[in-house]
């Protein structure tokens, strides 16, 4: 796929994709600060879809399912600087700051202003990727600098960065109806709804009368069917957005469910009569 990653430290990398890349069902365990140097990124979450273009800076909050689609653009590869804001670093950063304990986390992706302080902070990272070995304290200093700058430009970001609570017990039906298309493990669904795996399976069976895996497959197939039939999209385009990873497996279970292959449905929606 032509992917290259260069690391300044485990928490800072330069990522480059020469071809189109789809990542389905991504749930980051830490907040991710992204600077899009070239290319285009589309991120789909339960709340909305967002498109980011060259030069955009954005923050993806942890523990929120997303589908990420990265594209080359205008003959240039998809290149990003990615900074991981771990709980350990953030706890230490906020340890001596007086921040309100009544914080409301902001679940959606935050597009950050292209403030000169922030762009210069991220731009200064690029030369470091050419070095063989960068002292750890310098890399950590750049992450701390970025956090400080983000707070200066967006004071309300404390509601995300300074919140260290694990997901509380959520309404299971409401959560699943919004997030079934994200390709996560059953364990992850349980964690994000504030349940152990055993409790999640029990509550799910009580709510839906079927197992989570069977229900997820059914819902994802229905979504894929809708995208092909109503939105006139190709099977390969809807595959990952509907929560599947492998095209041949998707085609097999689609035909088993509906009695015809997704390519046949694609032809019907386009008004193409099958050859007899």
C-alpha atoms as a PDB file:
ATOM      1  CA  UNK A   1       0.000   0.000   0.000  1.00  0.00           C
ATOM      2  CA  UNK A   2       3.074   2.247   0.036  1.00  0.00           C
ATOM      3  CA  UNK A   3       2.903   3.223   3.702  1.00  0.00           C
ATOM      4  CA  UNK A   4       5.879   4.850   5.422  1.00  0.00           C
ATOM      5  CA  UNK A   5       6.051   5.905   9.070  1.00  0.00           C
ATOM      6  CA  UNK A   6       8.930   7.801  10.640  1.00  0.00           C
ATOM      7  CA  UNK A   7       9.022   8.237  14.390  1.00  0.00           C
ATOM      8  CA  UNK A   8      10.557  10.982  16.487  1.00  0.00           C
ATOM      9  CA  UNK A   9       9.318   9.070  19.525  1.00  0.00           C
ATOM     10  CA  UNK A  10       6.559   6.513  20.173  1.00  0.00           C
ATOM     11  CA  UNK A  11       4.202   9.483  20.547  1.00  0.00           C
ATOM     12  CA  UNK A  12       5.129  11.478  17.431  1.00  0.00           C
ATOM     13  CA  UNK A  13       5.239  10.150  13.892  1.00  0.00           C
ATOM     14  CA  UNK A  14       5.183  11.280  10.285  1.00  0.00           C
ATOM     15  CA  UNK A  15       2.792   9.044   8.343  1.00  0.00           C
ATOM     16  CA  UNK A  16       2.731   8.832   4.545  1.00  0.00           C
ATOM     17  CA  UNK A  17       0.373   6.816   2.314  1.00  0.00           C
ATOM     18  CA  UNK A  18       0.894   6.834  -1.426  1.00  0.00           C
ATOM     19  CA  UNK A  19      -2.309   4.909  -2.135  1.00  0.00           C
ATOM     20  CA  UNK A  20      -5.856   5.172  -0.805  1.00  0.00           C
ATOM     21  CA  UNK A  21      -6.219   3.785   2.674  1.00  0.00           C
ATOM     22  CA  UNK A  22      -9.372   2.817   4.532  1.00  0.00           C
ATOM     23  CA  UNK A  23      -9.413   2.212   8.267  1.00  0.00           C
ATOM     24  CA  UNK A  24     -12.692   0.954   9.570  1.00  0.00           C
ATOM     25  CA  UNK A  25     -13.869   0.856  13.140  1.00  0.00           C
ATOM     26  CA  UNK A  26     -10.923   2.709  14.626  1.00  0.00           C
ATOM     27  CA  UNK A  27     -11.180   3.458  18.338  1.00  0.00           C
ATOM     28  CA  UNK A  28      -8.145   5.302  19.636  1.00  0.00           C
ATOM     29  CA  UNK A  29      -7.070   4.610  23.203  1.00  0.00           C
ATOM     30  CA  UNK A  30      -5.514   8.091  23.444  1.00  0.00           C
ATOM     31  CA  UNK A  31      -6.332  11.514  22.045  1.00  0.00           C
ATOM     32  CA  UNK A  32      -4.726  12.037  18.630  1.00  0.00           C
ATOM     33  CA  UNK A  33      -3.543  15.434  17.392  1.00  0.00           C
ATOM     34  CA  UNK A  34      -3.340  15.381  13.592  1.00  0.00           C
ATOM     35  CA  UNK A  35      -1.752  17.862  11.198  1.00  0.00           C
ATOM     36  CA  UNK A  36      -2.622  17.089   7.567  1.00  0.00           C
ATOM     37  CA  UNK A  37       0.376  18.120   5.453  1.00  0.00           C
ATOM     38  CA  UNK A  38      -1.017  16.875   2.132  1.00  0.00           C
ATOM     39  CA  UNK A  39      -3.916  14.761   0.914  1.00  0.00           C
ATOM     40  CA  UNK A  40      -7.435  14.530   2.269  1.00  0.00           C
ATOM     41  CA  UNK A  41      -9.054  12.705   5.188  1.00  0.00           C
ATOM     42  CA  UNK A  42     -12.694  11.803   5.721  1.00  0.00           C
ATOM     43  CA  UNK A  43     -13.705  10.709   9.203  1.00  0.00           C
ATOM     44  CA  UNK A  44     -17.113   9.180   9.888  1.00  0.00           C
ATOM     45  CA  UNK A  45     -18.466   9.080  13.435  1.00  0.00           C
ATOM     46  CA  UNK A  46     -21.927   8.383  14.784  1.00  0.00           C
ATOM     47  CA  UNK A  47     -22.591  12.112  15.149  1.00  0.00           C
ATOM     48  CA  UNK A  48     -21.415  13.286  11.721  1.00  0.00           C
ATOM     49  CA  UNK A  49     -18.906  12.978   8.896  1.00  0.00           C
ATOM     50  CA  UNK A  50     -16.091  15.479   8.467  1.00  0.00           C
ATOM     51  CA  UNK A  51     -13.593  16.115   5.678  1.00  0.00           C
ATOM     52  CA  UNK A  52     -10.162  17.562   6.361  1.00  0.00           C
ATOM     53  CA  UNK A  53      -7.902  19.062   3.727  1.00  0.00           C
ATOM     54  CA  UNK A  54      -4.259  20.055   3.361  1.00  0.00           C
ATOM     55  CA  UNK A  55      -3.124  22.241   6.246  1.00  0.00           C
ATOM     56  CA  UNK A  56      -5.969  21.305   8.589  1.00  0.00           C
ATOM     57  CA  UNK A  57      -5.244  20.514  12.230  1.00  0.00           C
ATOM     58  CA  UNK A  58      -7.691  18.444  14.245  1.00  0.00           C
ATOM     59  CA  UNK A  59      -8.037  16.436  17.442  1.00  0.00           C
ATOM     60  CA  UNK A  60      -9.608  12.980  17.504  1.00  0.00           C
ATOM     61  CA  UNK A  61     -10.795  12.224  21.063  1.00  0.00           C
ATOM     62  CA  UNK A  62     -10.168   8.800  22.542  1.00  0.00           C
ATOM     63  CA  UNK A  63     -12.796   6.108  22.989  1.00  0.00           C
ATOM     64  CA  UNK A  64     -15.065   7.293  20.169  1.00  0.00           C
ATOM     65  CA  UNK A  65     -15.573   4.909  17.213  1.00  0.00           C
ATOM     66  CA  UNK A  66     -14.550   6.327  13.860  1.00  0.00           C
ATOM     67  CA  UNK A  67     -14.106   5.240  10.274  1.00  0.00           C
ATOM     68  CA  UNK A  68     -11.069   6.960   8.776  1.00  0.00           C
ATOM     69  CA  UNK A  69     -10.551   7.286   5.010  1.00  0.00           C
ATOM     70  CA  UNK A  70      -7.257   8.761   3.795  1.00  0.00           C
ATOM     71  CA  UNK A  71      -6.701   9.866   0.194  1.00  0.00           C
ATOM     72  CA  UNK A  72      -3.813  11.190  -1.874  1.00  0.00           C
ATOM     73  CA  UNK A  73      -4.764  14.521  -3.446  1.00  0.00           C
ATOM     74  CA  UNK A  74      -3.542  16.623  -6.363  1.00  0.00           C
ATOM     75  CA  UNK A  75      -0.748  14.171  -7.144  1.00  0.00           C
ATOM     76  CA  UNK A  76       0.606  14.286  -3.595  1.00  0.00           C
ATOM     77  CA  UNK A  77       0.598  11.427  -1.069  1.00  0.00           C
ATOM     78  CA  UNK A  78      -1.442  11.530   2.110  1.00  0.00           C
ATOM     79  CA  UNK A  79       1.010  12.857   4.735  1.00  0.00           C
ATOM     80  CA  UNK A  80       0.288  13.657   8.362  1.00  0.00           C
ATOM     81  CA  UNK A  81       2.122  14.467  11.538  1.00  0.00           C
ATOM     82  CA  UNK A  82       0.463  12.460  14.306  1.00  0.00           C
ATOM     83  CA  UNK A  83       0.940  13.268  17.980  1.00  0.00           C
ATOM     84  CA  UNK A  84      -0.376  10.925  20.684  1.00  0.00           C
ATOM     85  CA  UNK A  85      -1.599  12.708  23.817  1.00  0.00           C
ATOM     86  CA  UNK A  86      -1.493   9.910  26.370  1.00  0.00           C
ATOM     87  CA  UNK A  87      -3.283   9.928  29.714  1.00  0.00           C
ATOM     88  CA  UNK A  88       0.101   9.746  31.466  1.00  0.00           C
ATOM     89  CA  UNK A  89       1.382  12.923  29.796  1.00  0.00           C
ATOM     90  CA  UNK A  90      -1.913  14.757  30.261  1.00  0.00           C
ATOM     91  CA  UNK A  91      -2.192  13.822  33.945  1.00  0.00           C
ATOM     92  CA  UNK A  92       1.270  15.198  34.580  1.00  0.00           C
ATOM     93  CA  UNK A  93       0.537  18.328  32.559  1.00  0.00           C
ATOM     94  CA  UNK A  94      -2.679  19.082  34.462  1.00  0.00           C
ATOM     95  CA  UNK A  95      -1.374  18.022  37.885  1.00  0.00           C
ATOM     96  CA  UNK A  96      -0.563  21.568  39.017  1.00  0.00           C
ATOM     97  CA  UNK A  97      -3.290  23.379  37.089  1.00  0.00           C
ATOM     98  CA  UNK A  98      -6.549  24.466  38.636  1.00  0.00           C
ATOM     99  CA  UNK A  99      -9.111  23.121  36.219  1.00  0.00           C
ATOM    100  CA  UNK A 100     -12.799  22.739  37.033  1.00  0.00           C
ATOM    101  CA  UNK A 101     -13.734  19.201  37.983  1.00  0.00           C
ATOM    102  CA  UNK A 102     -17.170  19.690  36.407  1.00  0.00           C
ATOM    103  CA  UNK A 103     -16.014  19.058  32.875  1.00  0.00           C
ATOM    104  CA  UNK A 104     -18.146  18.029  29.931  1.00  0.00           C
ATOM    105  CA  UNK A 105     -16.169  15.916  27.437  1.00  0.00           C
ATOM    106  CA  UNK A 106     -16.627  16.905  23.815  1.00  0.00           C
ATOM    107  CA  UNK A 107     -17.092  13.602  21.917  1.00  0.00           C
ATOM    108  CA  UNK A 108     -16.779  14.816  18.353  1.00  0.00           C
ATOM    109  CA  UNK A 109     -13.619  15.560  16.404  1.00  0.00           C
ATOM    110  CA  UNK A 110     -12.375  19.074  16.968  1.00  0.00           C
ATOM    111  CA  UNK A 111     -11.098  21.143  14.059  1.00  0.00           C
ATOM    112  CA  UNK A 112      -8.446  23.469  15.508  1.00  0.00           C
ATOM    113  CA  UNK A 113      -7.708  26.991  14.355  1.00  0.00           C
ATOM    114  CA  UNK A 114      -4.596  27.402  12.206  1.00  0.00           C
ATOM    115  CA  UNK A 115      -3.136  29.715  14.789  1.00  0.00           C
ATOM    116  CA  UNK A 116       0.496  30.768  14.107  1.00  0.00           C
ATOM    117  CA  UNK A 117       1.581  29.320  17.457  1.00  0.00           C
ATOM    118  CA  UNK A 118       0.106  25.925  16.656  1.00  0.00           C
ATOM    119  CA  UNK A 119       1.224  25.729  13.021  1.00  0.00           C
ATOM    120  CA  UNK A 120       4.766  26.777  13.933  1.00  0.00           C
ATOM    121  CA  UNK A 121       4.851  24.199  16.749  1.00  0.00           C
ATOM    122  CA  UNK A 122       3.869  21.368  14.398  1.00  0.00           C
ATOM    123  CA  UNK A 123       5.956  22.637  11.489  1.00  0.00           C
ATOM    124  CA  UNK A 124       9.040  22.615  13.715  1.00  0.00           C
ATOM    125  CA  UNK A 125       8.689  18.825  14.064  1.00  0.00           C
ATOM    126  CA  UNK A 126       9.349  18.018  10.405  1.00  0.00           C
ATOM    127  CA  UNK A 127      13.188  18.393  10.455  1.00  0.00           C
ATOM    128  CA  UNK A 128      13.402  16.049  13.455  1.00  0.00           C
ATOM    129  CA  UNK A 129      12.151  13.124  11.373  1.00  0.00           C
ATOM    130  CA  UNK A 130      15.460  13.106   9.508  1.00  0.00           C
ATOM    131  CA  UNK A 131      17.430  12.493  12.705  1.00  0.00           C
ATOM    132  CA  UNK A 132      18.477   9.004  13.713  1.00  0.00           C
ATOM    133  CA  UNK A 133      18.036   9.526  17.436  1.00  0.00           C
ATOM    134  CA  UNK A 134      16.239  12.370  19.187  1.00  0.00           C
ATOM    135  CA  UNK A 135      16.572  12.684  22.974  1.00  0.00           C
ATOM    136  CA  UNK A 136      13.341  11.659  24.705  1.00  0.00           C
ATOM    137  CA  UNK A 137      13.055  14.882  26.680  1.00  0.00           C
ATOM    138  CA  UNK A 138      13.011  16.948  23.460  1.00  0.00           C
ATOM    139  CA  UNK A 139      10.190  14.868  21.947  1.00  0.00           C
ATOM    140  CA  UNK A 140       8.233  15.065  25.212  1.00  0.00           C
ATOM    141  CA  UNK A 141       8.842  18.820  25.287  1.00  0.00           C
ATOM    142  CA  UNK A 142       7.246  19.177  21.844  1.00  0.00           C
ATOM    143  CA  UNK A 143       4.121  17.301  22.994  1.00  0.00           C
ATOM    144  CA  UNK A 144       3.840  19.478  26.098  1.00  0.00           C
ATOM    145  CA  UNK A 145       4.324  22.583  23.956  1.00  0.00           C
ATOM    146  CA  UNK A 146       1.514  21.465  21.635  1.00  0.00           C
ATOM    147  CA  UNK A 147      -0.849  20.865  24.585  1.00  0.00           C
ATOM    148  CA  UNK A 148      -0.073  24.298  26.015  1.00  0.00           C
ATOM    149  CA  UNK A 149      -0.670  25.980  22.657  1.00  0.00           C
ATOM    150  CA  UNK A 150      -3.974  24.162  22.067  1.00  0.00           C
ATOM    151  CA  UNK A 151      -5.189  25.265  25.498  1.00  0.00           C
ATOM    152  CA  UNK A 152      -4.208  28.859  24.762  1.00  0.00           C
ATOM    153  CA  UNK A 153      -6.082  28.880  21.456  1.00  0.00           C
ATOM    154  CA  UNK A 154      -9.007  26.687  22.586  1.00  0.00           C
ATOM    155  CA  UNK A 155      -9.478  26.989  26.390  1.00  0.00           C
ATOM    156  CA  UNK A 156     -12.573  24.784  26.257  1.00  0.00           C
ATOM    157  CA  UNK A 157     -10.400  21.845  25.162  1.00  0.00           C
ATOM    158  CA  UNK A 158      -9.802  21.113  28.861  1.00  0.00           C
ATOM    159  CA  UNK A 159     -13.189  19.409  28.769  1.00  0.00           C
ATOM    160  CA  UNK A 160     -11.544  16.721  26.627  1.00  0.00           C
ATOM    161  CA  UNK A 161      -7.898  16.641  27.639  1.00  0.00           C
ATOM    162  CA  UNK A 162      -8.372  16.919  31.409  1.00  0.00           C
ATOM    163  CA  UNK A 163     -11.097  14.303  31.642  1.00  0.00           C
ATOM    164  CA  UNK A 164      -9.692  10.957  32.773  1.00  0.00           C
ATOM    165  CA  UNK A 165     -12.905   9.085  33.513  1.00  0.00           C
ATOM    166  CA  UNK A 166     -13.591   5.754  31.846  1.00  0.00           C
ATOM    167  CA  UNK A 167     -16.825   5.453  29.858  1.00  0.00           C
ATOM    168  CA  UNK A 168     -19.864   5.336  32.143  1.00  0.00           C
ATOM    169  CA  UNK A 169     -22.674   2.848  31.737  1.00  0.00           C
ATOM    170  CA  UNK A 170     -24.457   3.934  28.587  1.00  0.00           C
ATOM    171  CA  UNK A 171     -27.870   3.127  27.173  1.00  0.00           C
ATOM    172  CA  UNK A 172     -26.986  -0.056  25.320  1.00  0.00           C
ATOM    173  CA  UNK A 173     -29.646   0.134  22.600  1.00  0.00           C
ATOM    174  CA  UNK A 174     -28.959   3.795  21.885  1.00  0.00           C
ATOM    175  CA  UNK A 175     -25.216   3.208  21.657  1.00  0.00           C
ATOM    176  CA  UNK A 176     -25.466   0.133  19.445  1.00  0.00           C
ATOM    177  CA  UNK A 177     -27.922   1.728  17.000  1.00  0.00           C
ATOM    178  CA  UNK A 178     -25.480   4.615  16.498  1.00  0.00           C
ATOM    179  CA  UNK A 179     -22.228   2.642  16.382  1.00  0.00           C
ATOM    180  CA  UNK A 180     -22.911  -0.845  14.970  1.00  0.00           C
ATOM    181  CA  UNK A 181     -21.114  -0.056  11.702  1.00  0.00           C
ATOM    182  CA  UNK A 182     -17.739   0.404  13.398  1.00  0.00           C
ATOM    183  CA  UNK A 183     -15.681  -2.767  13.216  1.00  0.00           C
ATOM    184  CA  UNK A 184     -14.762  -3.325  16.860  1.00  0.00           C
ATOM    185  CA  UNK A 185     -14.457  -6.379  19.047  1.00  0.00           C
ATOM    186  CA  UNK A 186     -17.345  -7.349  21.310  1.00  0.00           C
ATOM    187  CA  UNK A 187     -15.030  -6.559  24.236  1.00  0.00           C
ATOM    188  CA  UNK A 188     -14.602  -3.004  22.947  1.00  0.00           C
ATOM    189  CA  UNK A 189     -18.336  -2.515  22.556  1.00  0.00           C
ATOM    190  CA  UNK A 190     -18.680  -3.653  26.147  1.00  0.00           C
ATOM    191  CA  UNK A 191     -16.004  -1.251  27.396  1.00  0.00           C
ATOM    192  CA  UNK A 192     -17.471   1.734  25.562  1.00  0.00           C
ATOM    193  CA  UNK A 193     -20.903   1.044  27.051  1.00  0.00           C
ATOM    194  CA  UNK A 194     -19.409   0.767  30.539  1.00  0.00           C
ATOM    195  CA  UNK A 195     -19.843  -2.995  30.883  1.00  0.00           C
ATOM    196  CA  UNK A 196     -17.741  -6.071  31.355  1.00  0.00           C
ATOM    197  CA  UNK A 197     -17.875  -8.574  28.498  1.00  0.00           C
ATOM    198  CA  UNK A 198     -20.152 -10.877  30.487  1.00  0.00           C
ATOM    199  CA  UNK A 199     -22.538  -8.071  31.461  1.00  0.00           C
ATOM    200  CA  UNK A 200     -22.570  -6.705  27.920  1.00  0.00           C
ATOM    201  CA  UNK A 201     -23.538 -10.076  26.434  1.00  0.00           C
ATOM    202  CA  UNK A 202     -26.225 -10.557  29.073  1.00  0.00           C
ATOM    203  CA  UNK A 203     -27.725  -7.086  28.612  1.00  0.00           C
ATOM    204  CA  UNK A 204     -27.525  -7.411  24.845  1.00  0.00           C
ATOM    205  CA  UNK A 205     -29.352 -10.747  24.770  1.00  0.00           C
ATOM    206  CA  UNK A 206     -32.027  -9.259  27.020  1.00  0.00           C
ATOM    207  CA  UNK A 207     -32.471  -6.230  24.747  1.00  0.00           C
ATOM    208  CA  UNK A 208     -32.244  -7.882  21.308  1.00  0.00           C
ATOM    209  CA  UNK A 209     -32.986 -11.594  21.904  1.00  0.00           C
ATOM    210  CA  UNK A 210     -29.981 -12.558  19.734  1.00  0.00           C
ATOM    211  CA  UNK A 211     -26.214 -12.636  20.175  1.00  0.00           C
ATOM    212  CA  UNK A 212     -24.214  -9.430  19.523  1.00  0.00           C
ATOM    213  CA  UNK A 213     -22.317 -10.984  16.626  1.00  0.00           C
ATOM    214  CA  UNK A 214     -25.449 -12.115  14.793  1.00  0.00           C
ATOM    215  CA  UNK A 215     -27.166  -8.760  15.311  1.00  0.00           C
ATOM    216  CA  UNK A 216     -24.099  -6.778  14.160  1.00  0.00           C
ATOM    217  CA  UNK A 217     -23.788  -8.826  10.973  1.00  0.00           C
ATOM    218  CA  UNK A 218     -27.482  -8.335  10.169  1.00  0.00           C
ATOM    219  CA  UNK A 219     -27.386  -4.584  10.771  1.00  0.00           C
ATOM    220  CA  UNK A 220     -24.223  -4.109   8.726  1.00  0.00           C
ATOM    221  CA  UNK A 221     -25.623  -6.096   5.820  1.00  0.00           C
ATOM    222  CA  UNK A 222     -28.781  -3.973   5.882  1.00  0.00           C
ATOM    223  CA  UNK A 223     -26.671  -0.810   5.846  1.00  0.00           C
ATOM    224  CA  UNK A 224     -24.557  -2.078   2.942  1.00  0.00           C
ATOM    225  CA  UNK A 225     -27.726  -3.028   1.036  1.00  0.00           C
ATOM    226  CA  UNK A 226     -29.122   0.474   1.539  1.00  0.00           C
ATOM    227  CA  UNK A 227     -25.892   2.143   0.379  1.00  0.00           C
ATOM    228  CA  UNK A 228     -25.782   0.062  -2.801  1.00  0.00           C
ATOM    229  CA  UNK A 229     -29.501   0.138  -3.652  1.00  0.00           C
ATOM    230  CA  UNK A 230     -30.425   3.686  -2.625  1.00  0.00           C
ATOM    231  CA  UNK A 231     -27.163   5.603  -2.784  1.00  0.00           C
ATOM    232  CA  UNK A 232     -25.965   3.763  -5.926  1.00  0.00           C
ATOM    233  CA  UNK A 233     -22.539   3.061  -4.484  1.00  0.00           C
ATOM    234  CA  UNK A 234     -20.243   0.197  -5.414  1.00  0.00           C
ATOM    235  CA  UNK A 235     -19.697  -2.775  -3.052  1.00  0.00           C
ATOM    236  CA  UNK A 236     -15.997  -1.977  -2.675  1.00  0.00           C
ATOM    237  CA  UNK A 237     -16.908   1.574  -1.608  1.00  0.00           C
ATOM    238  CA  UNK A 238     -19.418   0.594   1.073  1.00  0.00           C
ATOM    239  CA  UNK A 239     -17.496  -2.437   2.361  1.00  0.00           C
ATOM    240  CA  UNK A 240     -15.527  -0.770   5.136  1.00  0.00           C
ATOM    241  CA  UNK A 241     -17.997   1.982   5.966  1.00  0.00           C
ATOM    242  CA  UNK A 242     -20.560  -0.735   6.713  1.00  0.00           C
ATOM    243  CA  UNK A 243     -18.163  -2.496   9.082  1.00  0.00           C
ATOM    244  CA  UNK A 244     -16.678  -5.260   6.904  1.00  0.00           C
ATOM    245  CA  UNK A 245     -13.019  -5.890   6.115  1.00  0.00           C
ATOM    246  CA  UNK A 246     -12.835  -8.506   3.366  1.00  0.00           C
ATOM    247  CA  UNK A 247     -14.640  -8.139   0.031  1.00  0.00           C
ATOM    248  CA  UNK A 248     -14.951 -11.835  -0.744  1.00  0.00           C
ATOM    249  CA  UNK A 249     -16.330 -12.627   2.719  1.00  0.00           C
ATOM    250  CA  UNK A 250     -18.694  -9.672   2.474  1.00  0.00           C
ATOM    251  CA  UNK A 251     -19.971 -10.855  -0.922  1.00  0.00           C
ATOM    252  CA  UNK A 252     -20.474 -14.385   0.407  1.00  0.00           C
ATOM    253  CA  UNK A 253     -22.547 -13.447   3.473  1.00  0.00           C
ATOM    254  CA  UNK A 254     -24.427 -10.756   1.502  1.00  0.00           C
ATOM    255  CA  UNK A 255     -25.589 -13.330  -1.046  1.00  0.00           C
ATOM    256  CA  UNK A 256     -26.416 -15.792   1.729  1.00  0.00           C
ATOM    257  CA  UNK A 257     -28.582 -13.160   3.419  1.00  0.00           C
ATOM    258  CA  UNK A 258     -30.361 -11.634   0.420  1.00  0.00           C
ATOM    259  CA  UNK A 259     -30.161 -14.339  -2.245  1.00  0.00           C
ATOM    260  CA  UNK A 260     -28.089 -12.288  -4.699  1.00  0.00           C
ATOM    261  CA  UNK A 261     -24.575 -10.879  -4.801  1.00  0.00           C
ATOM    262  CA  UNK A 262     -23.877  -7.199  -4.048  1.00  0.00           C
ATOM    263  CA  UNK A 263     -22.657  -6.764  -7.629  1.00  0.00           C
ATOM    264  CA  UNK A 264     -26.069  -7.931  -8.884  1.00  0.00           C
ATOM    265  CA  UNK A 265     -27.796  -5.390  -6.668  1.00  0.00           C
ATOM    266  CA  UNK A 266     -25.393  -2.760  -7.939  1.00  0.00           C
ATOM    267  CA  UNK A 267     -26.438  -3.568 -11.503  1.00  0.00           C
ATOM    268  CA  UNK A 268     -30.124  -3.421 -10.635  1.00  0.00           C
ATOM    269  CA  UNK A 269     -29.789  -0.026  -8.921  1.00  0.00           C
ATOM    270  CA  UNK A 270     -28.002   1.263 -12.000  1.00  0.00           C
ATOM    271  CA  UNK A 271     -30.796  -0.067 -14.242  1.00  0.00           C
ATOM    272  CA  UNK A 272     -28.649  -2.769 -15.842  1.00  0.00           C
ATOM    273  CA  UNK A 273     -30.534  -5.924 -16.762  1.00  0.00           C
ATOM    274  CA  UNK A 274     -28.812  -9.239 -15.963  1.00  0.00           C
ATOM    275  CA  UNK A 275     -27.589 -11.288 -18.927  1.00  0.00           C
ATOM    276  CA  UNK A 276     -29.657 -14.466 -19.482  1.00  0.00           C
END
